[in-house]
Amino acid sequence: MFTVKPVSNSRQEILIEAVQGLGETLVSGQVRGDRYVVGQRWGRN
C-alpha cells in the first residue's frame, strides 16, 4: 500500500495493490496484482 500515489504524487489518493497469498510474487514482478485507488479523507471539514 502506498499512502501517496507514486505516479501522480497525489496525497489525496491511496494506491493498494493486492495478490492472493504472499506479497513476494507481487514485489518480484512474477504476477500483477489487483489495483485499487481509494480517495483519502483527512477528517477536516
C-alpha atoms as a PDB file:
ATOM      1  CA  MET A   1       0.000   0.000   0.000  1.00  0.00           C
ATOM      2  CA  PHE A   2       1.273   3.429  -0.923  1.00  0.00           C
ATOM      3  CA  THR A   3      -0.016   6.367   1.121  1.00  0.00           C
ATOM      4  CA  VAL A   4       0.981   8.690  -1.736  1.00  0.00           C
ATOM      5  CA  LYS A   5       0.053   7.623  -5.273  1.00  0.00           C
ATOM      6  CA  PRO A   6       3.500   7.035  -6.855  1.00  0.00           C
ATOM      7  CA  VAL A   7       2.787   8.140 -10.428  1.00  0.00           C
ATOM      8  CA  SER A   8       0.905  11.375  -9.751  1.00  0.00           C
ATOM      9  CA  ASN A   9       2.418  12.057  -6.302  1.00  0.00           C
ATOM     10  CA  SER A  10      -1.142  12.706  -5.082  1.00  0.00           C
ATOM     11  CA  ARG A  11      -1.672  12.727  -1.330  1.00  0.00           C
ATOM     12  CA  GLN A  12      -5.449  12.642  -1.905  1.00  0.00           C
ATOM     13  CA  GLU A  13      -5.389   9.007  -3.073  1.00  0.00           C
ATOM     14  CA  ILE A  14      -4.102   5.757  -1.621  1.00  0.00           C
ATOM     15  CA  LEU A  15      -2.890   3.053  -4.016  1.00  0.00           C
ATOM     16  CA  ILE A  16      -3.390  -0.551  -2.902  1.00  0.00           C
ATOM     17  CA  GLU A  17      -2.072  -3.496  -4.927  1.00  0.00           C
ATOM     18  CA  ALA A  18      -3.129  -6.927  -3.693  1.00  0.00           C
ATOM     19  CA  VAL A  19      -2.459 -10.571  -4.540  1.00  0.00           C
ATOM     20  CA  GLN A  20      -3.644 -13.803  -3.031  1.00  0.00           C
ATOM     21  CA  GLY A  21      -1.048 -15.389  -0.774  1.00  0.00           C
ATOM     22  CA  LEU A  22       2.339 -13.868  -0.046  1.00  0.00           C
ATOM     23  CA  GLY A  23       3.187 -10.436  -1.405  1.00  0.00           C
ATOM     24  CA  GLU A  24       6.617 -11.591  -2.595  1.00  0.00           C
ATOM     25  CA  THR A  25       5.236 -12.579  -6.013  1.00  0.00           C
ATOM     26  CA  LEU A  26       3.946  -9.028  -6.496  1.00  0.00           C
ATOM     27  CA  VAL A  27       7.154  -7.387  -5.299  1.00  0.00           C
ATOM     28  CA  SER A  28       9.332  -9.615  -7.509  1.00  0.00           C
ATOM     29  CA  GLY A  29       7.179  -8.899 -10.572  1.00  0.00           C
ATOM     30  CA  GLN A  30       6.085 -12.526 -11.061  1.00  0.00           C
ATOM     31  CA  VAL A  31       2.391 -11.561 -11.001  1.00  0.00           C
ATOM     32  CA  ARG A  32       0.312  -8.423 -11.460  1.00  0.00           C
ATOM     33  CA  GLY A  33      -1.909  -7.634  -8.525  1.00  0.00           C
ATOM     34  CA  ASP A  34      -5.392  -6.235  -8.300  1.00  0.00           C
ATOM     35  CA  ARG A  35      -5.124  -2.448  -8.105  1.00  0.00           C
ATOM     36  CA  TYR A  36      -7.387  -0.245  -6.006  1.00  0.00           C
ATOM     37  CA  VAL A  37      -7.205   3.538  -5.858  1.00  0.00           C
ATOM     38  CA  VAL A  38      -9.027   4.914  -2.845  1.00  0.00           C
ATOM     39  CA  GLY A  39      -9.773   8.554  -2.095  1.00  0.00           C
ATOM     40  CA  GLN A  40      -8.303   9.652   1.203  1.00  0.00           C
ATOM     41  CA  ARG A  41     -10.181  11.728   3.785  1.00  0.00           C
ATOM     42  CA  TRP A  42      -8.208  13.625   6.365  1.00  0.00           C
ATOM     43  CA  GLY A  43     -11.060  14.295   8.797  1.00  0.00           C
ATOM     44  CA  ARG A  44     -11.133  18.005   8.116  1.00  0.00           C
ATOM     45  CA  ASN A  45     -14.285  19.950   7.332  1.00  0.00           C
END
